[in-house]
Amino acid sequence: MTALLIAAAALLLQQQAPVRPEPADTSPMGLARQAITEIGLRVAEVRGGEDMLRRVIYNGTDAAVVERATVLRNRCADVATAAGGTSARICRTCFRGETRAAMEQYRAALPGVAQAGNRCAAALARDLRADQTGRAVRRNMRSLSRTILVGLGPYEAAIRSVRLALGLEVRMPAAGAARQPRRQAAQPPQQPPAQRPVP
């Protein structure tokens, strides 16, 4: 019986085709897509971490504030590292026309992202060292949010045109442009009714 089970298992393993990972796209467009997706994920993590920290500042305990501030500090450091290395992974001469203009605008925004990430991480590290109860983090949250907003603003303005140019997002028609109203056929002018002579 045991030999039969072993033989059945061996047969089953032979029939299963090995799953091979798809090869990475190493074309200039593929590398640009990978780099842009990576930095986009890091920026989204910072935005999410900032939102969570803001919530616990108003509604949470000191321990929750310290925990969320530590998470956001790490995410800010990650976005700074990612933004610093992304520019080198995007080919400068591989794109033409609108795509090239969008990529140059995007590339110009990356140093601001890296700077915002470094400032955010440094500010949170300083506040956590100064006061382990989270009071310094609470006190400086407005300034921290402003640092993130100013640093990520140019990036967020540039990213949509890049995503459209690389096919990562589809341009949707404007709500009013989706359906054009039908024109009615021109009606001939109506004649006023003929007046009858009065007897």
Protein backbone atom coordinates (compact mmCIF):
# COMPACT_ATOMS: atom_id res chain seq x y z
CA MET A 1 0.00 0.00 0.00
CA THR A 2 2.81 2.42 0.91
CA ALA A 3 4.62 1.66 -2.33
CA LEU A 4 1.44 2.43 -4.27
CA LEU A 5 1.08 5.84 -2.56
CA ILE A 6 4.73 6.68 -3.27
CA ALA A 7 4.33 5.72 -6.93
CA ALA A 8 1.15 7.83 -7.22
CA ALA A 9 2.88 10.83 -5.64
CA ALA A 10 5.86 10.46 -7.98
CA LEU A 11 3.53 10.29 -11.00
CA LEU A 12 1.65 13.39 -9.84
CA LEU A 13 4.90 15.35 -9.40
CA GLN A 14 6.06 14.38 -12.89
CA GLN A 15 2.83 15.64 -14.45
CA GLN A 16 2.98 19.09 -12.87
CA ALA A 17 4.82 21.50 -15.11
CA PRO A 18 7.31 23.68 -13.25
CA VAL A 19 6.15 27.26 -12.88
CA ARG A 20 8.72 29.64 -14.25
CA PRO A 21 8.61 33.31 -13.35
CA GLU A 22 8.09 35.63 -16.28
CA PRO A 23 11.34 37.26 -17.36
CA ALA A 24 11.71 40.87 -16.30
CA ASP A 25 11.29 43.46 -19.03
CA THR A 26 14.75 44.96 -19.45
CA SER A 27 13.86 47.32 -22.29
CA PRO A 28 14.22 51.04 -21.54
CA MET A 29 10.42 51.34 -21.38
CA GLY A 30 10.19 48.33 -19.06
CA LEU A 31 12.88 49.65 -16.73
CA ALA A 32 11.21 53.05 -16.64
CA ARG A 33 7.87 51.45 -15.78
CA GLN A 34 9.45 49.42 -12.98
CA ALA A 35 11.21 52.47 -11.50
CA ILE A 36 8.09 54.64 -11.69
CA THR A 37 5.92 51.93 -10.14
CA GLU A 38 8.41 51.45 -7.30
CA ILE A 39 8.61 55.13 -6.42
CA GLY A 40 4.83 55.40 -6.70
CA LEU A 41 4.39 52.63 -4.14
CA ARG A 42 6.84 54.32 -1.77
CA VAL A 43 5.05 57.68 -2.10
CA ALA A 44 1.70 55.98 -1.43
CA GLU A 45 3.17 54.36 1.69
CA VAL A 46 4.31 57.77 2.97
CA ARG A 47 0.88 59.28 2.31
CA GLY A 48 -0.81 56.36 4.07
CA GLY A 49 1.60 56.53 6.99
CA GLU A 50 1.04 60.26 7.35
CA ASP A 51 -2.73 59.75 7.37
CA MET A 52 -2.50 57.02 10.02
CA LEU A 53 -0.21 59.15 12.20
CA ARG A 54 -2.57 62.10 11.94
CA ARG A 55 -5.48 59.91 13.07
CA VAL A 56 -3.70 58.53 16.14
CA ILE A 57 -2.47 62.00 17.08
CA TYR A 58 -6.06 63.11 17.49
CA ASN A 59 -7.62 59.85 18.68
CA GLY A 60 -4.86 57.53 19.92
CA THR A 61 -2.68 56.80 22.88
CA ASP A 62 0.92 57.96 23.31
CA ALA A 63 2.15 54.44 22.50
CA ALA A 64 0.15 54.42 19.25
CA VAL A 65 1.62 57.81 18.31
CA VAL A 66 5.17 56.56 18.88
CA GLU A 67 4.47 53.37 16.90
CA ARG A 68 2.96 55.21 13.92
CA ALA A 69 5.69 57.86 13.97
CA THR A 70 8.32 55.12 13.81
CA VAL A 71 6.55 53.49 10.84
CA LEU A 72 6.32 56.83 9.02
CA ARG A 73 9.98 57.62 9.74
CA ASN A 74 10.98 54.34 8.07
CA ARG A 75 8.70 54.97 5.11
CA CYS A 76 10.11 58.45 4.64
CA ALA A 77 13.64 57.03 4.63
CA ASP A 78 12.54 54.42 2.06
CA VAL A 79 11.01 57.00 -0.29
CA ALA A 80 14.16 59.13 -0.06
CA THR A 81 16.32 56.14 -1.04
CA ALA A 82 13.98 55.11 -3.87
CA ALA A 83 13.73 58.63 -5.29
CA GLY A 84 17.49 59.06 -5.16
CA GLY A 85 18.08 55.93 -7.22
CA THR A 86 15.16 56.18 -9.65
CA SER A 87 16.52 58.94 -11.87
CA ALA A 88 19.52 56.85 -12.94
CA ARG A 89 17.24 53.97 -13.96
CA ILE A 90 15.27 56.08 -16.47
CA CYS A 91 16.89 56.43 -19.89
CA ARG A 92 17.23 60.08 -20.90
CA THR A 93 17.43 59.52 -24.67
CA CYS A 94 14.93 56.68 -25.12
CA PHE A 95 11.78 58.77 -25.32
CA ARG A 96 10.48 61.29 -27.83
CA GLY A 97 7.89 64.02 -28.02
CA GLU A 98 5.29 64.25 -25.27
CA THR A 99 6.65 61.19 -23.50
CA ARG A 100 10.10 62.76 -23.23
CA ALA A 101 8.68 66.04 -21.92
CA ALA A 102 6.63 64.15 -19.32
CA MET A 103 9.66 62.11 -18.24
CA GLU A 104 11.83 65.23 -17.88
CA GLN A 105 9.18 66.89 -15.71
CA TYR A 106 8.96 63.72 -13.63
CA ARG A 107 12.74 63.46 -13.30
CA ALA A 108 12.91 67.11 -12.17
CA ALA A 109 10.45 66.34 -9.34
CA LEU A 110 12.43 63.40 -7.90
CA PRO A 111 15.03 65.45 -5.93
CA GLY A 112 12.14 67.15 -4.11
CA VAL A 113 10.72 63.74 -3.19
CA ALA A 114 14.09 62.58 -1.86
CA GLN A 115 14.54 65.83 0.08
CA ALA A 116 11.05 65.59 1.59
CA GLY A 117 11.70 61.97 2.60
CA ASN A 118 15.00 62.86 4.26
CA ARG A 119 13.50 65.85 6.10
CA CYS A 120 10.51 63.81 7.24
CA ALA A 121 12.69 60.96 8.54
CA ALA A 122 15.07 63.36 10.31
CA ALA A 123 12.25 65.36 11.92
CA LEU A 124 10.51 62.25 13.23
CA ALA A 125 13.79 60.77 14.51
CA ARG A 126 14.54 64.05 16.33
CA ASP A 127 11.03 64.22 17.85
CA LEU A 128 11.14 60.60 19.00
CA ARG A 129 14.56 61.11 20.63
CA ALA A 130 13.42 64.31 22.34
CA ASP A 131 10.27 62.85 23.85
CA GLN A 132 9.44 59.14 23.96
CA THR A 133 5.83 59.84 24.92
CA GLY A 134 5.05 61.21 21.45
CA ARG A 135 4.28 64.76 22.61
CA ALA A 136 6.92 66.28 20.33
CA VAL A 137 5.47 64.36 17.38
CA ARG A 138 1.99 65.67 18.22
CA ARG A 139 3.30 69.22 18.55
CA ASN A 140 5.16 69.16 15.21
CA MET A 141 2.64 67.23 13.09
CA ARG A 142 1.44 70.29 11.18
CA SER A 143 4.98 71.22 10.18
CA LEU A 144 5.70 67.62 9.16
CA SER A 145 2.57 67.49 6.96
CA ARG A 146 3.62 70.73 5.27
CA THR A 147 7.09 69.28 4.54
CA ILE A 148 5.52 66.22 2.92
CA LEU A 149 2.97 68.25 0.97
CA VAL A 150 5.53 70.69 -0.44
CA GLY A 151 8.03 67.95 -1.27
CA LEU A 152 5.56 65.63 -2.99
CA GLY A 153 3.50 68.32 -4.74
CA PRO A 154 5.60 68.61 -7.95
CA TYR A 155 5.90 64.82 -8.15
CA GLU A 156 2.15 64.34 -7.85
CA ALA A 157 1.58 67.01 -10.51
CA ALA A 158 3.97 65.23 -12.93
CA ILE A 159 3.09 61.60 -12.33
CA ARG A 160 -0.24 61.46 -14.17
CA SER A 161 1.19 62.61 -17.49
CA VAL A 162 4.01 60.04 -17.14
CA ARG A 163 1.58 57.23 -16.35
CA LEU A 164 -0.49 58.14 -19.40
CA ALA A 165 2.60 58.34 -21.63
CA LEU A 166 3.87 54.91 -20.52
CA GLY A 167 0.49 53.20 -20.74
CA LEU A 168 0.21 52.66 -16.97
CA GLU A 169 -3.06 54.61 -16.95
CA VAL A 170 -5.78 55.10 -19.55
CA ARG A 171 -7.11 58.54 -20.36
CA MET A 172 -10.82 58.61 -19.66
CA PRO A 173 -13.08 60.88 -21.69
CA ALA A 174 -14.51 63.86 -19.89
CA ALA A 175 -17.99 63.32 -18.50
CA GLY A 176 -19.55 65.87 -20.86
CA ALA A 177 -17.67 64.53 -23.89
CA ALA A 178 -18.95 60.98 -23.53
CA ARG A 179 -22.22 61.60 -25.32
CA GLN A 180 -23.00 64.36 -27.75
CA PRO A 181 -26.63 65.53 -27.85
CA ARG A 182 -28.46 64.73 -31.05
CA ARG A 183 -29.32 67.59 -33.29
CA GLN A 184 -32.94 67.82 -34.23
CA ALA A 185 -33.82 68.13 -37.85
CA ALA A 186 -34.50 71.69 -38.84
CA GLN A 187 -38.24 72.41 -38.88
CA PRO A 188 -39.63 74.63 -41.59
CA PRO A 189 -40.91 77.91 -40.22
CA GLN A 190 -44.60 77.74 -39.45
CA GLN A 191 -46.95 80.12 -41.23
CA PRO A 192 -49.43 81.98 -39.12
CA PRO A 193 -53.00 80.80 -39.79
CA ALA A 194 -54.76 82.72 -42.55
CA GLN A 195 -57.20 85.31 -41.26
CA ARG A 196 -60.76 85.18 -42.45
CA PRO A 197 -62.37 88.35 -43.63
CA VAL A 198 -64.92 89.73 -41.18
CA PRO A 199 -68.43 89.92 -42.73
